[in-house]
Amino acid sequence: MALRRWSPRRTSDELEAEAAYDGVWAHASLLHCPRTALPDVLARIHRALRPGGWHFASYKLGTAEGRDALGRFYNFPDATWLAAQYEALAGWEIAETLHYTAGGFDNVERDWIDLIVRKP
C-alpha cells in the first residue's frame, strides 16, 4: 500500500479525494482552523476516508477562538462543541477520546483532547 499525504494546514478546498485514504492524522493541526470552517474540513476528511478508515485529531480546549502568546490562531473549542461537530457527520463513530494537560510552544499548560474517529 502506498502512503499518500495531505496536510490539513493547506486550505480545506484542497482535499477533494473520495474514499482515497485509510487514515487521516491531524495531530495539532486542525486546532488552527477557524470554527466556522471546521465542519467543512471534517466533512472533506470524512469523504476522503475509505469505509473502515480512521481519523485522529488533537485540539487545545478552551471557550473561544483566539491567539496564543506567540500570535498563532487557535479555535480553542470546548469538548462538547467539538464532539457535536464530529457527530453531525452521519456514520462517524468517536472510538476514543483522551483528555490531558500539556504545554505548547508558548510554554502555557492547557487542557487538550485527542479524538480517534472511525468511518464504518
PDB file of N, CA and C in Angstrom:
ATOM      1  N   MET A   1       0.844  -1.178   0.000  1.00  0.00           N
ATOM      2  CA  MET A   1       0.000   0.000   0.000  1.00  0.00           C
ATOM      3  C   MET A   1       0.889   1.240   0.000  1.00  0.00           C
ATOM      4  N   ALA A   2       0.613   2.169  -0.869  1.00  0.00           N
ATOM      5  CA  ALA A   2       1.364   3.416  -0.937  1.00  0.00           C
ATOM      6  C   ALA A   2       0.813   4.399   0.089  1.00  0.00           C
ATOM      7  N   LEU A   3       1.697   5.167   0.672  1.00  0.00           N
ATOM      8  CA  LEU A   3       1.303   6.204   1.612  1.00  0.00           C
ATOM      9  C   LEU A   3       1.040   7.478   0.830  1.00  0.00           C
ATOM     10  N   ARG A   4      -0.140   8.020   1.000  1.00  0.00           N
ATOM     11  CA  ARG A   4      -0.490   9.280   0.350  1.00  0.00           C
ATOM     12  C   ARG A   4      -0.675  10.314   1.435  1.00  0.00           C
ATOM     13  N   ARG A   5      -0.108  11.488   1.230  1.00  0.00           N
ATOM     14  CA  ARG A   5      -0.154  12.522   2.245  1.00  0.00           C
ATOM     15  C   ARG A   5      -0.981  13.712   1.802  1.00  0.00           C
ATOM     16  N   TRP A   6      -1.708  14.253   2.740  1.00  0.00           N
ATOM     17  CA  TRP A   6      -2.400  15.522   2.583  1.00  0.00           C
ATOM     18  C   TRP A   6      -2.257  16.245   3.905  1.00  0.00           C
ATOM     19  N   SER A   7      -1.924  17.492   3.887  1.00  0.00           N
ATOM     20  CA  SER A   7      -1.727  18.256   5.111  1.00  0.00           C
ATOM     21  C   SER A   7      -2.955  19.104   5.417  1.00  0.00           C
ATOM     22  N   PRO A   8      -3.557  18.959   6.607  1.00  0.00           N
ATOM     23  CA  PRO A   8      -4.700  19.795   6.984  1.00  0.00           C
ATOM     24  C   PRO A   8      -4.335  21.270   7.091  1.00  0.00           C
ATOM     25  N   ARG A   9      -3.051  21.592   7.093  1.00  0.00           N
ATOM     26  CA  ARG A   9      -2.664  23.005   7.162  1.00  0.00           C
ATOM     27  C   ARG A   9      -2.861  23.707   5.825  1.00  0.00           C
ATOM     28  N   ARG A  10      -3.063  22.936   4.767  1.00  0.00           N
ATOM     29  CA  ARG A  10      -3.432  23.531   3.492  1.00  0.00           C
ATOM     30  C   ARG A  10      -4.864  24.011   3.605  1.00  0.00           C
ATOM     31  N   THR A  11      -5.306  24.765   2.632  1.00  0.00           N
ATOM     32  CA  THR A  11      -6.695  25.209   2.670  1.00  0.00           C
ATOM     33  C   THR A  11      -7.621  24.012   2.505  1.00  0.00           C
ATOM     34  N   SER A  12      -8.767  24.088   3.117  1.00  0.00           N
ATOM     35  CA  SER A  12      -9.683  22.943   3.128  1.00  0.00           C
ATOM     36  C   SER A  12     -10.173  22.572   1.737  1.00  0.00           C
ATOM     37  N   ASP A  13     -10.158  23.508   0.809  1.00  0.00           N
ATOM     38  CA  ASP A  13     -10.656  23.178  -0.527  1.00  0.00           C
ATOM     39  C   ASP A  13      -9.672  22.346  -1.336  1.00  0.00           C
ATOM     40  N   GLU A  14      -8.491  22.072  -0.794  1.00  0.00           N
ATOM     41  CA  GLU A  14      -7.518  21.237  -1.495  1.00  0.00           C
ATOM     42  C   GLU A  14      -7.760  19.744  -1.285  1.00  0.00           C
ATOM     43  N   LEU A  15      -8.574  19.370  -0.338  1.00  0.00           N
ATOM     44  CA  LEU A  15      -8.864  17.957  -0.101  1.00  0.00           C
ATOM     45  C   LEU A  15     -10.140  17.596  -0.846  1.00  0.00           C
ATOM     46  N   GLU A  16      -9.978  17.079  -2.043  1.00  0.00           N
ATOM     47  CA  GLU A  16     -11.113  16.727  -2.888  1.00  0.00           C
ATOM     48  C   GLU A  16     -11.261  15.225  -3.049  1.00  0.00           C
ATOM     49  N   ALA A  17     -10.411  14.442  -2.404  1.00  0.00           N
ATOM     50  CA  ALA A  17     -10.400  12.989  -2.578  1.00  0.00           C
ATOM     51  C   ALA A  17     -11.701  12.364  -2.078  1.00  0.00           C
ATOM     52  N   GLU A  18     -12.049  11.241  -2.686  1.00  0.00           N
ATOM     53  CA  GLU A  18     -13.205  10.458  -2.249  1.00  0.00           C
ATOM     54  C   GLU A  18     -12.752   9.022  -2.022  1.00  0.00           C
ATOM     55  N   ALA A  19     -12.948   8.538  -0.801  1.00  0.00           N
ATOM     56  CA  ALA A  19     -12.610   7.158  -0.428  1.00  0.00           C
ATOM     57  C   ALA A  19     -11.189   6.797  -0.854  1.00  0.00           C
ATOM     58  N   ALA A  20     -10.243   7.697  -0.598  1.00  0.00           N
ATOM     59  CA  ALA A  20      -8.858   7.502  -1.043  1.00  0.00           C
ATOM     60  C   ALA A  20      -7.894   7.152   0.084  1.00  0.00           C
ATOM     61  N   TYR A  21      -8.277   7.388   1.326  1.00  0.00           N
ATOM     62  CA  TYR A  21      -7.341   7.229   2.435  1.00  0.00           C
ATOM     63  C   TYR A  21      -7.854   6.226   3.462  1.00  0.00           C
ATOM     64  N   ASP A  22      -6.914   5.463   4.020  1.00  0.00           N
ATOM     65  CA  ASP A  22      -7.237   4.566   5.134  1.00  0.00           C
ATOM     66  C   ASP A  22      -7.221   5.318   6.453  1.00  0.00           C
ATOM     67  N   GLY A  23      -6.530   6.438   6.495  1.00  0.00           N
ATOM     68  CA  GLY A  23      -6.454   7.219   7.712  1.00  0.00           C
ATOM     69  C   GLY A  23      -6.042   8.646   7.426  1.00  0.00           C
ATOM     70  N   VAL A  24      -6.492   9.554   8.282  1.00  0.00           N
ATOM     71  CA  VAL A  24      -6.079  10.958   8.233  1.00  0.00           C
ATOM     72  C   VAL A  24      -5.612  11.325   9.632  1.00  0.00           C
ATOM     73  N   TRP A  25      -4.335  11.653   9.752  1.00  0.00           N
ATOM     74  CA  TRP A  25      -3.695  12.009  11.010  1.00  0.00           C
ATOM     75  C   TRP A  25      -3.582  13.531  11.061  1.00  0.00           C
ATOM     76  N   ALA A  26      -4.200  14.158  12.047  1.00  0.00           N
ATOM     77  CA  ALA A  26      -4.206  15.610  12.153  1.00  0.00           C
ATOM     78  C   ALA A  26      -3.804  16.019  13.566  1.00  0.00           C
ATOM     79  N   HIS A  27      -2.583  15.663  13.939  1.00  0.00           N
ATOM     80  CA  HIS A  27      -2.092  15.987  15.274  1.00  0.00           C
ATOM     81  C   HIS A  27      -1.746  17.470  15.354  1.00  0.00           C
ATOM     82  N   ALA A  28      -2.437  18.186  16.226  1.00  0.00           N
ATOM     83  CA  ALA A  28      -2.189  19.609  16.486  1.00  0.00           C
ATOM     84  C   ALA A  28      -2.177  20.429  15.204  1.00  0.00           C
ATOM     85  N   SER A  29      -3.120  20.139  14.298  1.00  0.00           N
ATOM     86  CA  SER A  29      -3.193  20.938  13.077  1.00  0.00           C
ATOM     87  C   SER A  29      -4.592  21.524  12.864  1.00  0.00           C
ATOM     88  N   LEU A  30      -5.643  20.737  13.069  1.00  0.00           N
ATOM     89  CA  LEU A  30      -6.995  21.267  12.888  1.00  0.00           C
ATOM     90  C   LEU A  30      -7.348  22.291  13.960  1.00  0.00           C
ATOM     91  N   LEU A  31      -6.578  22.372  15.010  1.00  0.00           N
ATOM     92  CA  LEU A  31      -6.820  23.358  16.051  1.00  0.00           C
ATOM     93  C   LEU A  31      -6.544  24.779  15.566  1.00  0.00           C
ATOM     94  N   HIS A  32      -5.937  24.916  14.386  1.00  0.00           N
ATOM     95  CA  HIS A  32      -5.697  26.232  13.796  1.00  0.00           C
ATOM     96  C   HIS A  32      -6.799  26.626  12.811  1.00  0.00           C
ATOM     97  N   CYS A  33      -7.752  25.764  12.588  1.00  0.00           N
ATOM     98  CA  CYS A  33      -8.847  26.002  11.647  1.00  0.00           C
ATOM     99  C   CYS A  33      -9.935  26.833  12.331  1.00  0.00           C
ATOM    100  N   PRO A  34     -10.388  27.936  11.723  1.00  0.00           N
ATOM    101  CA  PRO A  34     -11.483  28.696  12.346  1.00  0.00           C
ATOM    102  C   PRO A  34     -12.703  27.810  12.577  1.00  0.00           C
ATOM    103  N   ARG A  35     -13.413  28.061  13.655  1.00  0.00           N
ATOM    104  CA  ARG A  35     -14.581  27.240  13.989  1.00  0.00           C
ATOM    105  C   ARG A  35     -15.604  27.198  12.864  1.00  0.00           C
ATOM    106  N   THR A  36     -15.793  28.310  12.170  1.00  0.00           N
ATOM    107  CA  THR A  36     -16.787  28.341  11.098  1.00  0.00           C
ATOM    108  C   THR A  36     -16.383  27.447   9.933  1.00  0.00           C
ATOM    109  N   ALA A  37     -15.107  27.187   9.752  1.00  0.00           N
ATOM    110  CA  ALA A  37     -14.622  26.358   8.647  1.00  0.00           C
ATOM    111  C   ALA A  37     -14.482  24.889   9.038  1.00  0.00           C
ATOM    112  N   LEU A  38     -14.443  24.589  10.324  1.00  0.00           N
ATOM    113  CA  LEU A  38     -14.178  23.222  10.772  1.00  0.00           C
ATOM    114  C   LEU A  38     -15.207  22.199  10.272  1.00  0.00           C
ATOM    115  N   PRO A  39     -16.520  22.471  10.282  1.00  0.00           N
ATOM    116  CA  PRO A  39     -17.458  21.471   9.772  1.00  0.00           C
ATOM    117  C   PRO A  39     -17.165  21.065   8.321  1.00  0.00           C
ATOM    118  N   ASP A  40     -16.800  22.016   7.464  1.00  0.00           N
ATOM    119  CA  ASP A  40     -16.474  21.693   6.080  1.00  0.00           C
ATOM    120  C   ASP A  40     -15.200  20.860   5.995  1.00  0.00           C
ATOM    121  N   VAL A  41     -14.195  21.195   6.782  1.00  0.00           N
ATOM    122  CA  VAL A  41     -12.947  20.433   6.783  1.00  0.00           C
ATOM    123  C   VAL A  41     -13.211  19.001   7.243  1.00  0.00           C
ATOM    124  N   LEU A  42     -13.995  18.828   8.299  1.00  0.00           N
ATOM    125  CA  LEU A  42     -14.315  17.484   8.785  1.00  0.00           C
ATOM    126  C   LEU A  42     -15.122  16.695   7.743  1.00  0.00           C
ATOM    127  N   ALA A  43     -16.033  17.355   7.052  1.00  0.00           N
ATOM    128  CA  ALA A  43     -16.801  16.673   6.003  1.00  0.00           C
ATOM    129  C   ALA A  43     -15.891  16.212   4.873  1.00  0.00           C
ATOM    130  N   ARG A  44     -14.888  17.016   4.535  1.00  0.00           N
ATOM    131  CA  ARG A  44     -13.942  16.633   3.483  1.00  0.00           C
ATOM    132  C   ARG A  44     -13.082  15.443   3.926  1.00  0.00           C
ATOM    133  N   ILE A  45     -12.671  15.451   5.185  1.00  0.00           N
ATOM    134  CA  ILE A  45     -11.904  14.324   5.700  1.00  0.00           C
ATOM    135  C   ILE A  45     -12.764  13.070   5.686  1.00  0.00           C
ATOM    136  N   HIS A  46     -14.001  13.188   6.137  1.00  0.00           N
ATOM    137  CA  HIS A  46     -14.940  12.064   6.140  1.00  0.00           C
ATOM    138  C   HIS A  46     -15.096  11.492   4.736  1.00  0.00           C
ATOM    139  N   ARG A  47     -15.305  12.363   3.766  1.00  0.00           N
ATOM    140  CA  ARG A  47     -15.475  11.921   2.377  1.00  0.00           C
ATOM    141  C   ARG A  47     -14.198  11.266   1.848  1.00  0.00           C
ATOM    142  N   ALA A  48     -13.044  11.756   2.242  1.00  0.00           N
ATOM    143  CA  ALA A  48     -11.768  11.240   1.746  1.00  0.00           C
ATOM    144  C   ALA A  48     -11.411   9.878   2.321  1.00  0.00           C
ATOM    145  N   LEU A  49     -12.008   9.512   3.456  1.00  0.00           N
ATOM    146  CA  LEU A  49     -11.715   8.222   4.069  1.00  0.00           C
ATOM    147  C   LEU A  49     -12.456   7.086   3.374  1.00  0.00           C
ATOM    148  N   ARG A  50     -11.773   5.966   3.270  1.00  0.00           N
ATOM    149  CA  ARG A  50     -12.413   4.739   2.804  1.00  0.00           C
ATOM    150  C   ARG A  50     -13.291   4.197   3.931  1.00  0.00           C
ATOM    151  N   PRO A  51     -14.278   3.369   3.620  1.00  0.00           N
ATOM    152  CA  PRO A  51     -15.023   2.698   4.692  1.00  0.00           C
ATOM    153  C   PRO A  51     -14.044   1.939   5.594  1.00  0.00           C
ATOM    154  N   GLY A  52     -14.240   2.073   6.896  1.00  0.00           N
ATOM    155  CA  GLY A  52     -13.328   1.474   7.866  1.00  0.00           C
ATOM    156  C   GLY A  52     -12.121   2.336   8.164  1.00  0.00           C
ATOM    157  N   GLY A  53     -12.043   3.520   7.533  1.00  0.00           N
ATOM    158  CA  GLY A  53     -10.904   4.409   7.731  1.00  0.00           C
ATOM    159  C   GLY A  53     -10.930   5.105   9.087  1.00  0.00           C
ATOM    160  N   TRP A  54      -9.752   5.548   9.515  1.00  0.00           N
ATOM    161  CA  TRP A  54      -9.576   6.170  10.825  1.00  0.00           C
ATOM    162  C   TRP A  54      -9.114   7.607  10.680  1.00  0.00           C
ATOM    163  N   HIS A  55      -9.509   8.416  11.664  1.00  0.00           N
ATOM    164  CA  HIS A  55      -9.087   9.823  11.723  1.00  0.00           C
ATOM    165  C   HIS A  55      -8.657  10.115  13.153  1.00  0.00           C
ATOM    166  N   PHE A  56      -7.495  10.748  13.294  1.00  0.00           N
ATOM    167  CA  PHE A  56      -7.004  11.192  14.595  1.00  0.00           C
ATOM    168  C   PHE A  56      -6.835  12.697  14.536  1.00  0.00           C
ATOM    169  N   ALA A  57      -7.251  13.381  15.592  1.00  0.00           N
ATOM    170  CA  ALA A  57      -7.026  14.827  15.704  1.00  0.00           C
ATOM    171  C   ALA A  57      -6.852  15.198  17.170  1.00  0.00           C
ATOM    172  N   SER A  58      -6.032  16.212  17.406  1.00  0.00           N
ATOM    173  CA  SER A  58      -5.850  16.740  18.759  1.00  0.00           C
ATOM    174  C   SER A  58      -6.122  18.239  18.743  1.00  0.00           C
ATOM    175  N   TYR A  59      -6.720  18.721  19.812  1.00  0.00           N
ATOM    176  CA  TYR A  59      -7.118  20.121  19.921  1.00  0.00           C
ATOM    177  C   TYR A  59      -6.773  20.645  21.314  1.00  0.00           C
ATOM    178  N   LYS A  60      -6.402  21.922  21.383  1.00  0.00           N
ATOM    179  CA  LYS A  60      -6.300  22.613  22.668  1.00  0.00           C
ATOM    180  C   LYS A  60      -7.712  23.075  23.018  1.00  0.00           C
ATOM    181  N   LEU A  61      -8.170  22.746  24.212  1.00  0.00           N
ATOM    182  CA  LEU A  61      -9.522  23.096  24.622  1.00  0.00           C
ATOM    183  C   LEU A  61      -9.590  24.516  25.175  1.00  0.00           C
ATOM    184  N   GLY A  62     -10.779  25.088  25.115  1.00  0.00           N
ATOM    185  CA  GLY A  62     -10.998  26.432  25.638  1.00  0.00           C
ATOM    186  C   GLY A  62     -12.454  26.810  25.489  1.00  0.00           C
ATOM    187  N   THR A  63     -12.710  28.116  25.453  1.00  0.00           N
ATOM    188  CA  THR A  63     -14.087  28.597  25.357  1.00  0.00           C
ATOM    189  C   THR A  63     -14.326  29.520  24.171  1.00  0.00           C
ATOM    190  N   ALA A  64     -13.265  29.983  23.522  1.00  0.00           N
ATOM    191  CA  ALA A  64     -13.432  30.917  22.398  1.00  0.00           C
ATOM    192  C   ALA A  64     -12.170  30.926  21.548  1.00  0.00           C
ATOM    193  N   GLU A  65     -12.342  31.247  20.272  1.00  0.00           N
ATOM    194  CA  GLU A  65     -11.187  31.375  19.381  1.00  0.00           C
ATOM    195  C   GLU A  65     -10.282  32.495  19.884  1.00  0.00           C
ATOM    196  N   GLY A  66      -9.010  32.352  19.587  1.00  0.00           N
ATOM    197  CA  GLY A  66      -8.086  33.400  19.990  1.00  0.00           C
ATOM    198  C   GLY A  66      -6.663  33.079  19.572  1.00  0.00           C
ATOM    199  N   ARG A  67      -5.760  33.900  20.027  1.00  0.00           N
ATOM    200  CA  ARG A  67      -4.347  33.748  19.690  1.00  0.00           C
ATOM    201  C   ARG A  67      -3.556  33.448  20.952  1.00  0.00           C
ATOM    202  N   ASP A  68      -2.493  32.680  20.778  1.00  0.00           N
ATOM    203  CA  ASP A  68      -1.627  32.396  21.915  1.00  0.00           C
ATOM    204  C   ASP A  68      -0.629  33.539  22.084  1.00  0.00           C
ATOM    205  N   ALA A  69       0.265  33.406  23.052  1.00  0.00           N
ATOM    206  CA  ALA A  69       1.232  34.459  23.353  1.00  0.00           C
ATOM    207  C   ALA A  69       2.189  34.725  22.186  1.00  0.00           C
ATOM    208  N   LEU A  70       2.292  33.772  21.256  1.00  0.00           N
ATOM    209  CA  LEU A  70       3.156  33.934  20.083  1.00  0.00           C
ATOM    210  C   LEU A  70       2.388  34.466  18.875  1.00  0.00           C
ATOM    211  N   GLY A  71       1.095  34.754  19.055  1.00  0.00           N
ATOM    212  CA  GLY A  71       0.284  35.321  17.987  1.00  0.00           C
ATOM    213  C   GLY A  71      -0.361  34.312  17.056  1.00  0.00           C
ATOM    214  N   ARG A  72      -0.246  33.014  17.363  1.00  0.00           N
ATOM    215  CA  ARG A  72      -0.825  31.986  16.489  1.00  0.00           C
ATOM    216  C   ARG A  72      -2.304  31.785  16.816  1.00  0.00           C
ATOM    217  N   PHE A  73      -3.120  31.631  15.764  1.00  0.00           N
ATOM    218  CA  PHE A  73      -4.561  31.467  15.905  1.00  0.00           C
ATOM    219  C   PHE A  73      -4.913  30.033  16.321  1.00  0.00           C
ATOM    220  N   TYR A  74      -5.882  29.903  17.242  1.00  0.00           N
ATOM    221  CA  TYR A  74      -6.413  28.606  17.680  1.00  0.00           C
ATOM    222  C   TYR A  74      -7.929  28.704  17.768  1.00  0.00           C
ATOM    223  N   ASN A  75      -8.609  27.585  17.515  1.00  0.00           N
ATOM    224  CA  ASN A  75     -10.069  27.590  17.644  1.00  0.00           C
ATOM    225  C   ASN A  75     -10.522  27.348  19.085  1.00  0.00           C
ATOM    226  N   PHE A  76      -9.687  26.813  19.954  1.00  0.00           N
ATOM    227  CA  PHE A  76      -9.976  26.606  21.382  1.00  0.00           C
ATOM    228  C   PHE A  76     -11.425  26.173  21.649  1.00  0.00           C
ATOM    229  N   PRO A  77     -11.874  25.024  21.116  1.00  0.00           N
ATOM    230  CA  PRO A  77     -13.247  24.575  21.354  1.00  0.00           C
ATOM    231  C   PRO A  77     -13.399  23.952  22.745  1.00  0.00           C
ATOM    232  N   ASP A  78     -14.639  23.838  23.192  1.00  0.00           N
ATOM    233  CA  ASP A  78     -14.861  23.006  24.376  1.00  0.00           C
ATOM    234  C   ASP A  78     -15.193  21.602  23.871  1.00  0.00           C
ATOM    235  N   ALA A  79     -15.037  20.616  24.726  1.00  0.00           N
ATOM    236  CA  ALA A  79     -15.160  19.216  24.327  1.00  0.00           C
ATOM    237  C   ALA A  79     -16.552  18.873  23.803  1.00  0.00           C
ATOM    238  N   THR A  80     -17.591  19.447  24.374  1.00  0.00           N
ATOM    239  CA  THR A  80     -18.956  19.155  23.952  1.00  0.00           C
ATOM    240  C   THR A  80     -19.210  19.681  22.541  1.00  0.00           C
ATOM    241  N   TRP A  81     -18.818  20.927  22.274  1.00  0.00           N
ATOM    242  CA  TRP A  81     -18.989  21.505  20.941  1.00  0.00           C
ATOM    243  C   TRP A  81     -18.208  20.703  19.906  1.00  0.00           C
ATOM    244  N   LEU A  82     -16.990  20.335  20.254  1.00  0.00           N
ATOM    245  CA  LEU A  82     -16.139  19.601  19.324  1.00  0.00           C
ATOM    246  C   LEU A  82     -16.742  18.235  18.980  1.00  0.00           C
ATOM    247  N   ALA A  83     -17.197  17.503  19.988  1.00  0.00           N
ATOM    248  CA  ALA A  83     -17.823  16.200  19.737  1.00  0.00           C
ATOM    249  C   ALA A  83     -19.048  16.354  18.846  1.00  0.00           C
ATOM    250  N   ALA A  84     -19.816  17.406  19.029  1.00  0.00           N
ATOM    251  CA  ALA A  84     -21.002  17.636  18.205  1.00  0.00           C
ATOM    252  C   ALA A  84     -20.631  17.850  16.743  1.00  0.00           C
ATOM    253  N   GLN A  85     -19.487  18.473  16.475  1.00  0.00           N
ATOM    254  CA  GLN A  85     -19.065  18.681  15.082  1.00  0.00           C
ATOM    255  C   GLN A  85     -18.778  17.350  14.400  1.00  0.00           C
ATOM    256  N   TYR A  86     -18.161  16.441  15.124  1.00  0.00           N
ATOM    257  CA  TYR A  86     -17.880  15.113  14.570  1.00  0.00           C
ATOM    258  C   TYR A  86     -19.158  14.289  14.456  1.00  0.00           C
ATOM    259  N   GLU A  87     -19.988  14.337  15.472  1.00  0.00           N
ATOM    260  CA  GLU A  87     -21.214  13.528  15.480  1.00  0.00           C
ATOM    261  C   GLU A  87     -22.231  14.004  14.445  1.00  0.00           C
ATOM    262  N   ALA A  88     -22.100  15.244  13.961  1.00  0.00           N
ATOM    263  CA  ALA A  88     -23.016  15.774  12.957  1.00  0.00           C
ATOM    264  C   ALA A  88     -22.825  15.095  11.600  1.00  0.00           C
ATOM    265  N   LEU A  89     -21.703  14.428  11.408  1.00  0.00           N
ATOM    266  CA  LEU A  89     -21.433  13.730  10.157  1.00  0.00           C
ATOM    267  C   LEU A  89     -21.929  12.298  10.277  1.00  0.00           C
ATOM    268  N   ALA A  90     -22.908  11.951   9.474  1.00  0.00           N
ATOM    269  CA  ALA A  90     -23.545  10.637   9.544  1.00  0.00           C
ATOM    270  C   ALA A  90     -22.518   9.521   9.392  1.00  0.00           C
ATOM    271  N   GLY A  91     -22.580   8.590  10.311  1.00  0.00           N
ATOM    272  CA  GLY A  91     -21.744   7.397  10.197  1.00  0.00           C
ATOM    273  C   GLY A  91     -20.411   7.461  10.904  1.00  0.00           C
ATOM    274  N   TRP A  92     -19.998   8.629  11.387  1.00  0.00           N
ATOM    275  CA  TRP A  92     -18.726   8.670  12.102  1.00  0.00           C
ATOM    276  C   TRP A  92     -18.937   8.211  13.528  1.00  0.00           C
ATOM    277  N   GLU A  93     -18.028   7.382  14.001  1.00  0.00           N
ATOM    278  CA  GLU A  93     -18.079   6.891  15.380  1.00  0.00           C
ATOM    279  C   GLU A  93     -16.847   7.413  16.115  1.00  0.00           C
ATOM    280  N   ILE A  94     -17.056   8.131  17.200  1.00  0.00           N
ATOM    281  CA  ILE A  94     -15.930   8.521  18.030  1.00  0.00           C
ATOM    282  C   ILE A  94     -15.545   7.294  18.835  1.00  0.00           C
ATOM    283  N   ALA A  95     -14.410   6.708  18.488  1.00  0.00           N
ATOM    284  CA  ALA A  95     -13.977   5.462  19.112  1.00  0.00           C
ATOM    285  C   ALA A  95     -13.298   5.703  20.446  1.00  0.00           C
ATOM    286  N   GLU A  96     -12.602   6.832  20.572  1.00  0.00           N
ATOM    287  CA  GLU A  96     -11.872   7.096  21.810  1.00  0.00           C
ATOM    288  C   GLU A  96     -11.603   8.584  21.945  1.00  0.00           C
ATOM    289  N   THR A  97     -11.666   9.065  23.181  1.00  0.00           N
ATOM    290  CA  THR A  97     -11.240  10.430  23.493  1.00  0.00           C
ATOM    291  C   THR A  97     -10.279  10.361  24.665  1.00  0.00           C
ATOM    292  N   LEU A  98      -9.337  11.252  24.650  1.00  0.00           N
ATOM    293  CA  LEU A  98      -8.366  11.332  25.735  1.00  0.00           C
ATOM    294  C   LEU A  98      -8.212  12.794  26.120  1.00  0.00           C
ATOM    295  N   HIS A  99      -8.432  13.105  27.388  1.00  0.00           N
ATOM    296  CA  HIS A  99      -8.259  14.460  27.919  1.00  0.00           C
ATOM    297  C   HIS A  99      -6.966  14.485  28.727  1.00  0.00           C
ATOM    298  N   TYR A 100      -6.176  15.533  28.561  1.00  0.00           N
ATOM    299  CA  TYR A 100      -4.917  15.660  29.302  1.00  0.00           C
ATOM    300  C   TYR A 100      -4.479  17.118  29.321  1.00  0.00           C
ATOM    301  N   THR A 101      -3.481  17.411  30.123  1.00  0.00           N
ATOM    302  CA  THR A 101      -2.907  18.742  30.198  1.00  0.00           C
ATOM    303  C   THR A 101      -1.486  18.680  29.662  1.00  0.00           C
ATOM    304  N   ALA A 102      -1.164  19.638  28.800  1.00  0.00           N
ATOM    305  CA  ALA A 102       0.176  19.679  28.212  1.00  0.00           C
ATOM    306  C   ALA A 102       0.496  21.109  27.805  1.00  0.00           C
ATOM    307  N   GLY A 103       1.770  21.357  27.601  1.00  0.00           N
ATOM    308  CA  GLY A 103       2.220  22.660  27.152  1.00  0.00           C
ATOM    309  C   GLY A 103       2.306  22.725  25.648  1.00  0.00           C
ATOM    310  N   GLY A 104       2.638  23.886  25.168  1.00  0.00           N
ATOM    311  CA  GLY A 104       2.838  24.109  23.738  1.00  0.00           C
ATOM    312  C   GLY A 104       4.088  24.938  23.536  1.00  0.00           C
ATOM    313  N   PHE A 105       4.257  25.430  22.319  1.00  0.00           N
ATOM    314  CA  PHE A 105       5.430  26.237  22.016  1.00  0.00           C
ATOM    315  C   PHE A 105       5.465  27.520  22.836  1.00  0.00           C
ATOM    316  N   ASP A 106       4.296  27.983  23.305  1.00  0.00           N
ATOM    317  CA  ASP A 106       4.238  29.197  24.115  1.00  0.00           C
ATOM    318  C   ASP A 106       4.474  28.916  25.595  1.00  0.00           C
ATOM    319  N   ASN A 107       4.765  27.663  25.942  1.00  0.00           N
ATOM    320  CA  ASN A 107       5.042  27.235  27.322  1.00  0.00           C
ATOM    321  C   ASN A 107       3.875  27.455  28.274  1.00  0.00           C
ATOM    322  N   VAL A 108       2.652  27.449  27.752  1.00  0.00           N
ATOM    323  CA  VAL A 108       1.453  27.584  28.575  1.00  0.00           C
ATOM    324  C   VAL A 108       0.789  26.211  28.676  1.00  0.00           C
ATOM    325  N   GLU A 109       0.542  25.763  29.895  1.00  0.00           N
ATOM    326  CA  GLU A 109      -0.158  24.498  30.119  1.00  0.00           C
ATOM    327  C   GLU A 109      -1.640  24.709  29.811  1.00  0.00           C
ATOM    328  N   ARG A 110      -2.201  23.825  28.996  1.00  0.00           N
ATOM    329  CA  ARG A 110      -3.612  23.894  28.629  1.00  0.00           C
ATOM    330  C   ARG A 110      -4.208  22.496  28.637  1.00  0.00           C
ATOM    331  N   ASP A 111      -5.539  22.461  28.695  1.00  0.00           N
ATOM    332  CA  ASP A 111      -6.244  21.198  28.543  1.00  0.00           C
ATOM    333  C   ASP A 111      -6.300  20.870  27.049  1.00  0.00           C
ATOM    334  N   TRP A 112      -6.081  19.601  26.724  1.00  0.00           N
ATOM    335  CA  TRP A 112      -6.108  19.099  25.357  1.00  0.00           C
ATOM    336  C   TRP A 112      -7.104  17.953  25.270  1.00  0.00           C
ATOM    337  N   ILE A 113      -7.519  17.660  24.038  1.00  0.00           N
ATOM    338  CA  ILE A 113      -8.316  16.472  23.765  1.00  0.00           C
ATOM    339  C   ILE A 113      -7.788  15.814  22.495  1.00  0.00           C
ATOM    340  N   ASP A 114      -7.676  14.506  22.530  1.00  0.00           N
ATOM    341  CA  ASP A 114      -7.377  13.694  21.344  1.00  0.00           C
ATOM    342  C   ASP A 114      -8.660  12.940  20.990  1.00  0.00           C
ATOM    343  N   LEU A 115      -8.971  12.908  19.715  1.00  0.00           N
ATOM    344  CA  LEU A 115     -10.133  12.158  19.238  1.00  0.00           C
ATOM    345  C   LEU A 115      -9.661  11.130  18.215  1.00  0.00           C
ATOM    346  N   ILE A 116     -10.137   9.919  18.373  1.00  0.00           N
ATOM    347  CA  ILE A 116      -9.933   8.873  17.371  1.00  0.00           C
ATOM    348  C   ILE A 116     -11.314   8.520  16.862  1.00  0.00           C
ATOM    349  N   VAL A 117     -11.504   8.685  15.554  1.00  0.00           N
ATOM    350  CA  VAL A 117     -12.812   8.544  14.941  1.00  0.00           C
ATOM    351  C   VAL A 117     -12.717   7.519  13.807  1.00  0.00           C
ATOM    352  N   ARG A 118     -13.757   6.720  13.642  1.00  0.00           N
ATOM    353  CA  ARG A 118     -13.780   5.684  12.609  1.00  0.00           C
ATOM    354  C   ARG A 118     -14.972   5.884  11.693  1.00  0.00           C
ATOM    355  N   LYS A 119     -14.719   5.703  10.394  1.00  0.00           N
ATOM    356  CA  LYS A 119     -15.797   5.710   9.412  1.00  0.00           C
ATOM    357  C   LYS A 119     -16.198   4.272   9.152  1.00  0.00           C
ATOM    358  N   PRO A 120     -17.387   3.847   9.572  1.00  0.00           N
ATOM    359  CA  PRO A 120     -17.783   2.439   9.401  1.00  0.00           C
ATOM    360  C   PRO A 120     -17.981   2.059   7.930  1.00  0.00           C
TER     361      PRO A 120
END
